[in-house]
Amino acid sequence: LNLGLVLAKRAAVRGSVLRSRPLEEKASLAQRFIRECLPLFERGVLKASVDRVFEMDEIKEAQLAMERNENIGKLIVRIGS
């Protein structure tokens, strides 16, 4: 996120959590994400930021890295080969 560009355009960044939302609203948002966002990932318009990939036997290290806020992006735990 280029904060300089956000400031220059006088834009705003807002966040929200779903924890307190009703189940029906969560389901509706999940369906909308599938419909509107997944195709953008499939075409490469959006990309997930992956910090590191851990093997299943390194899951404790992955947990510790997350607890220490060492990652910028997703921590992936590979299951199987």
N, C-alpha and C. Protein backbone atom coordinates (compact mmCIF):
# COMPACT_ATOMS: atom_id res chain seq x y z
N LEU A 1 0.85 -1.17 0.00
CA LEU A 1 0.00 0.00 0.00
C LEU A 1 0.89 1.23 0.00
N ASN A 2 0.75 2.05 -1.00
CA ASN A 2 1.53 3.27 -1.11
C ASN A 2 0.80 4.37 -0.33
N LEU A 3 1.24 4.61 0.90
CA LEU A 3 0.57 5.60 1.74
C LEU A 3 0.73 7.01 1.20
N GLY A 4 1.83 7.28 0.51
CA GLY A 4 2.00 8.59 -0.11
C GLY A 4 0.91 8.86 -1.13
N LEU A 5 0.58 7.86 -1.92
CA LEU A 5 -0.48 8.00 -2.92
C LEU A 5 -1.84 8.16 -2.24
N VAL A 6 -2.06 7.42 -1.17
CA VAL A 6 -3.31 7.55 -0.41
C VAL A 6 -3.45 8.98 0.10
N LEU A 7 -2.38 9.51 0.68
CA LEU A 7 -2.42 10.88 1.20
C LEU A 7 -2.60 11.90 0.09
N ALA A 8 -1.88 11.71 -1.02
CA ALA A 8 -1.97 12.66 -2.13
C ALA A 8 -3.37 12.73 -2.71
N LYS A 9 -4.05 11.61 -2.74
CA LYS A 9 -5.40 11.56 -3.30
C LYS A 9 -6.47 11.83 -2.24
N ARG A 10 -6.03 12.10 -1.00
CA ARG A 10 -6.95 12.33 0.11
C ARG A 10 -7.93 11.16 0.26
N ALA A 11 -7.41 9.98 0.03
CA ALA A 11 -8.23 8.77 0.14
C ALA A 11 -8.30 8.33 1.60
N ALA A 12 -9.10 7.34 1.85
CA ALA A 12 -9.25 6.80 3.20
C ALA A 12 -9.09 5.28 3.14
N VAL A 13 -8.54 4.74 4.20
CA VAL A 13 -8.41 3.29 4.34
C VAL A 13 -9.29 2.90 5.52
N ARG A 14 -10.21 1.97 5.28
CA ARG A 14 -11.11 1.52 6.33
C ARG A 14 -11.02 0.02 6.48
N GLY A 15 -11.28 -0.44 7.67
CA GLY A 15 -11.27 -1.87 7.93
C GLY A 15 -12.54 -2.30 8.64
N SER A 16 -12.77 -3.58 8.63
CA SER A 16 -13.96 -4.11 9.28
C SER A 16 -13.67 -5.54 9.71
N VAL A 17 -14.39 -6.00 10.69
CA VAL A 17 -14.29 -7.39 11.11
C VAL A 17 -15.66 -8.05 10.92
N LEU A 18 -15.63 -9.31 10.69
CA LEU A 18 -16.88 -10.04 10.47
C LEU A 18 -17.35 -10.79 11.71
N ARG A 19 -16.53 -10.84 12.73
CA ARG A 19 -16.84 -11.66 13.90
C ARG A 19 -18.22 -11.38 14.46
N SER A 20 -18.60 -10.11 14.56
CA SER A 20 -19.88 -9.77 15.18
C SER A 20 -21.05 -9.74 14.19
N ARG A 21 -20.78 -10.02 12.94
CA ARG A 21 -21.85 -9.97 11.93
C ARG A 21 -22.68 -11.25 11.95
N PRO A 22 -23.95 -11.16 11.57
CA PRO A 22 -24.80 -12.37 11.51
C PRO A 22 -24.28 -13.37 10.48
N LEU A 23 -24.54 -14.64 10.71
CA LEU A 23 -24.09 -15.71 9.82
C LEU A 23 -24.55 -15.47 8.38
N GLU A 24 -25.77 -15.02 8.20
CA GLU A 24 -26.30 -14.78 6.84
C GLU A 24 -25.48 -13.73 6.11
N GLU A 25 -25.07 -12.69 6.83
CA GLU A 25 -24.25 -11.64 6.20
C GLU A 25 -22.87 -12.17 5.84
N LYS A 26 -22.29 -12.98 6.70
CA LYS A 26 -20.99 -13.58 6.42
C LYS A 26 -21.08 -14.46 5.18
N ALA A 27 -22.14 -15.26 5.08
CA ALA A 27 -22.32 -16.14 3.92
C ALA A 27 -22.49 -15.33 2.65
N SER A 28 -23.25 -14.26 2.73
CA SER A 28 -23.46 -13.40 1.57
C SER A 28 -22.15 -12.77 1.10
N LEU A 29 -21.34 -12.31 2.05
CA LEU A 29 -20.05 -11.72 1.70
C LEU A 29 -19.10 -12.75 1.10
N ALA A 30 -19.13 -13.97 1.63
CA ALA A 30 -18.28 -15.03 1.07
C ALA A 30 -18.68 -15.33 -0.37
N GLN A 31 -19.98 -15.40 -0.64
CA GLN A 31 -20.44 -15.65 -2.01
C GLN A 31 -20.05 -14.50 -2.95
N ARG A 32 -20.16 -13.28 -2.45
CA ARG A 32 -19.77 -12.12 -3.26
C ARG A 32 -18.28 -12.15 -3.57
N PHE A 33 -17.45 -12.53 -2.57
CA PHE A 33 -16.01 -12.64 -2.78
C PHE A 33 -15.72 -13.68 -3.87
N ILE A 34 -16.40 -14.82 -3.79
CA ILE A 34 -16.21 -15.88 -4.79
C ILE A 34 -16.57 -15.37 -6.17
N ARG A 35 -17.66 -14.67 -6.27
CA ARG A 35 -18.17 -14.18 -7.55
C ARG A 35 -17.31 -13.04 -8.12
N GLU A 36 -16.90 -12.10 -7.27
CA GLU A 36 -16.25 -10.89 -7.76
C GLU A 36 -14.73 -10.89 -7.66
N CYS A 37 -14.18 -11.55 -6.66
CA CYS A 37 -12.73 -11.45 -6.42
C CYS A 37 -11.94 -12.65 -6.93
N LEU A 38 -12.46 -13.86 -6.76
CA LEU A 38 -11.69 -15.03 -7.20
C LEU A 38 -11.29 -14.96 -8.68
N PRO A 39 -12.18 -14.49 -9.57
CA PRO A 39 -11.74 -14.37 -10.96
C PRO A 39 -10.54 -13.43 -11.14
N LEU A 40 -10.43 -12.41 -10.30
CA LEU A 40 -9.29 -11.50 -10.38
C LEU A 40 -8.00 -12.19 -9.96
N PHE A 41 -8.07 -13.08 -8.96
CA PHE A 41 -6.90 -13.87 -8.58
C PHE A 41 -6.54 -14.84 -9.71
N GLU A 42 -7.55 -15.47 -10.30
CA GLU A 42 -7.31 -16.43 -11.37
C GLU A 42 -6.64 -15.78 -12.58
N ARG A 43 -7.00 -14.53 -12.88
CA ARG A 43 -6.41 -13.81 -14.02
C ARG A 43 -5.10 -13.12 -13.67
N GLY A 44 -4.71 -13.15 -12.39
CA GLY A 44 -3.46 -12.53 -11.98
C GLY A 44 -3.56 -11.03 -11.72
N VAL A 45 -4.78 -10.49 -11.76
CA VAL A 45 -4.97 -9.07 -11.46
C VAL A 45 -4.67 -8.82 -9.98
N LEU A 46 -5.13 -9.71 -9.11
CA LEU A 46 -4.83 -9.67 -7.69
C LEU A 46 -3.90 -10.82 -7.36
N LYS A 47 -2.99 -10.59 -6.44
CA LYS A 47 -2.06 -11.64 -6.01
C LYS A 47 -1.98 -11.62 -4.50
N ALA A 48 -1.98 -12.81 -3.91
CA ALA A 48 -1.80 -12.92 -2.47
C ALA A 48 -0.34 -12.68 -2.13
N SER A 49 -0.11 -11.97 -1.06
CA SER A 49 1.25 -11.72 -0.60
C SER A 49 1.66 -12.87 0.33
N VAL A 50 2.58 -13.71 -0.14
CA VAL A 50 3.03 -14.86 0.65
C VAL A 50 4.40 -14.55 1.21
N ASP A 51 4.50 -14.58 2.53
CA ASP A 51 5.77 -14.32 3.20
C ASP A 51 6.67 -15.55 3.18
N ARG A 52 6.14 -16.66 3.69
CA ARG A 52 6.92 -17.90 3.76
C ARG A 52 6.02 -19.12 3.65
N VAL A 53 6.61 -20.21 3.22
CA VAL A 53 5.91 -21.50 3.16
C VAL A 53 6.62 -22.45 4.11
N PHE A 54 5.86 -23.04 5.01
CA PHE A 54 6.39 -23.99 5.97
C PHE A 54 5.89 -25.39 5.63
N GLU A 55 6.68 -26.38 5.96
CA GLU A 55 6.24 -27.76 5.85
C GLU A 55 5.43 -28.10 7.11
N MET A 56 4.63 -29.15 7.05
CA MET A 56 3.77 -29.51 8.16
C MET A 56 4.57 -29.74 9.44
N ASP A 57 5.77 -30.31 9.33
CA ASP A 57 6.56 -30.55 10.54
C ASP A 57 7.19 -29.27 11.09
N GLU A 58 6.99 -28.14 10.43
CA GLU A 58 7.48 -26.84 10.90
C GLU A 58 6.33 -25.95 11.42
N ILE A 59 5.21 -26.56 11.70
CA ILE A 59 4.03 -25.78 12.07
C ILE A 59 4.25 -24.96 13.33
N LYS A 60 5.02 -25.48 14.27
CA LYS A 60 5.32 -24.72 15.50
C LYS A 60 6.10 -23.45 15.14
N GLU A 61 7.07 -23.55 14.22
CA GLU A 61 7.83 -22.38 13.80
C GLU A 61 6.93 -21.36 13.11
N ALA A 62 5.97 -21.85 12.34
CA ALA A 62 5.03 -20.96 11.67
C ALA A 62 4.19 -20.21 12.70
N GLN A 63 3.72 -20.92 13.71
CA GLN A 63 2.93 -20.29 14.78
C GLN A 63 3.75 -19.24 15.51
N LEU A 64 5.00 -19.55 15.83
CA LEU A 64 5.86 -18.60 16.53
C LEU A 64 6.14 -17.37 15.67
N ALA A 65 6.37 -17.58 14.38
CA ALA A 65 6.61 -16.45 13.48
C ALA A 65 5.39 -15.53 13.45
N MET A 66 4.20 -16.12 13.43
CA MET A 66 2.98 -15.32 13.41
C MET A 66 2.81 -14.57 14.74
N GLU A 67 3.06 -15.25 15.85
CA GLU A 67 2.93 -14.61 17.16
C GLU A 67 3.90 -13.45 17.32
N ARG A 68 5.09 -13.56 16.72
CA ARG A 68 6.11 -12.50 16.83
C ARG A 68 5.94 -11.42 15.76
N ASN A 69 4.88 -11.54 14.95
CA ASN A 69 4.65 -10.57 13.87
C ASN A 69 5.85 -10.44 12.93
N GLU A 70 6.47 -11.56 12.62
CA GLU A 70 7.64 -11.55 11.74
C GLU A 70 7.26 -11.52 10.26
N ASN A 71 6.01 -11.78 9.96
CA ASN A 71 5.62 -11.92 8.55
C ASN A 71 4.99 -10.65 8.01
N ILE A 72 5.22 -10.46 6.73
CA ILE A 72 4.49 -9.45 5.95
C ILE A 72 3.88 -10.24 4.81
N GLY A 73 2.64 -10.62 4.96
CA GLY A 73 1.98 -11.49 4.01
C GLY A 73 1.58 -12.78 4.69
N LYS A 74 1.09 -13.70 3.90
CA LYS A 74 0.55 -14.95 4.41
C LYS A 74 1.65 -15.93 4.77
N LEU A 75 1.40 -16.69 5.81
CA LEU A 75 2.24 -17.84 6.14
C LEU A 75 1.47 -19.07 5.69
N ILE A 76 2.09 -19.87 4.87
CA ILE A 76 1.45 -21.06 4.31
C ILE A 76 2.06 -22.30 4.96
N VAL A 77 1.21 -23.24 5.35
CA VAL A 77 1.68 -24.53 5.85
C VAL A 77 1.30 -25.56 4.82
N ARG A 78 2.30 -26.18 4.20
CA ARG A 78 2.08 -27.19 3.17
C ARG A 78 1.76 -28.53 3.83
N ILE A 79 0.64 -29.11 3.45
CA ILE A 79 0.23 -30.41 3.97
C ILE A 79 0.44 -31.44 2.87
N GLY A 80 1.20 -32.46 3.15
CA GLY A 80 1.49 -33.48 2.14
C GLY A 80 2.66 -33.05 1.27
N SER A 81 2.81 -33.72 0.12
CA SER A 81 3.98 -33.44 -0.72
C SER A 81 3.72 -32.47 -1.81
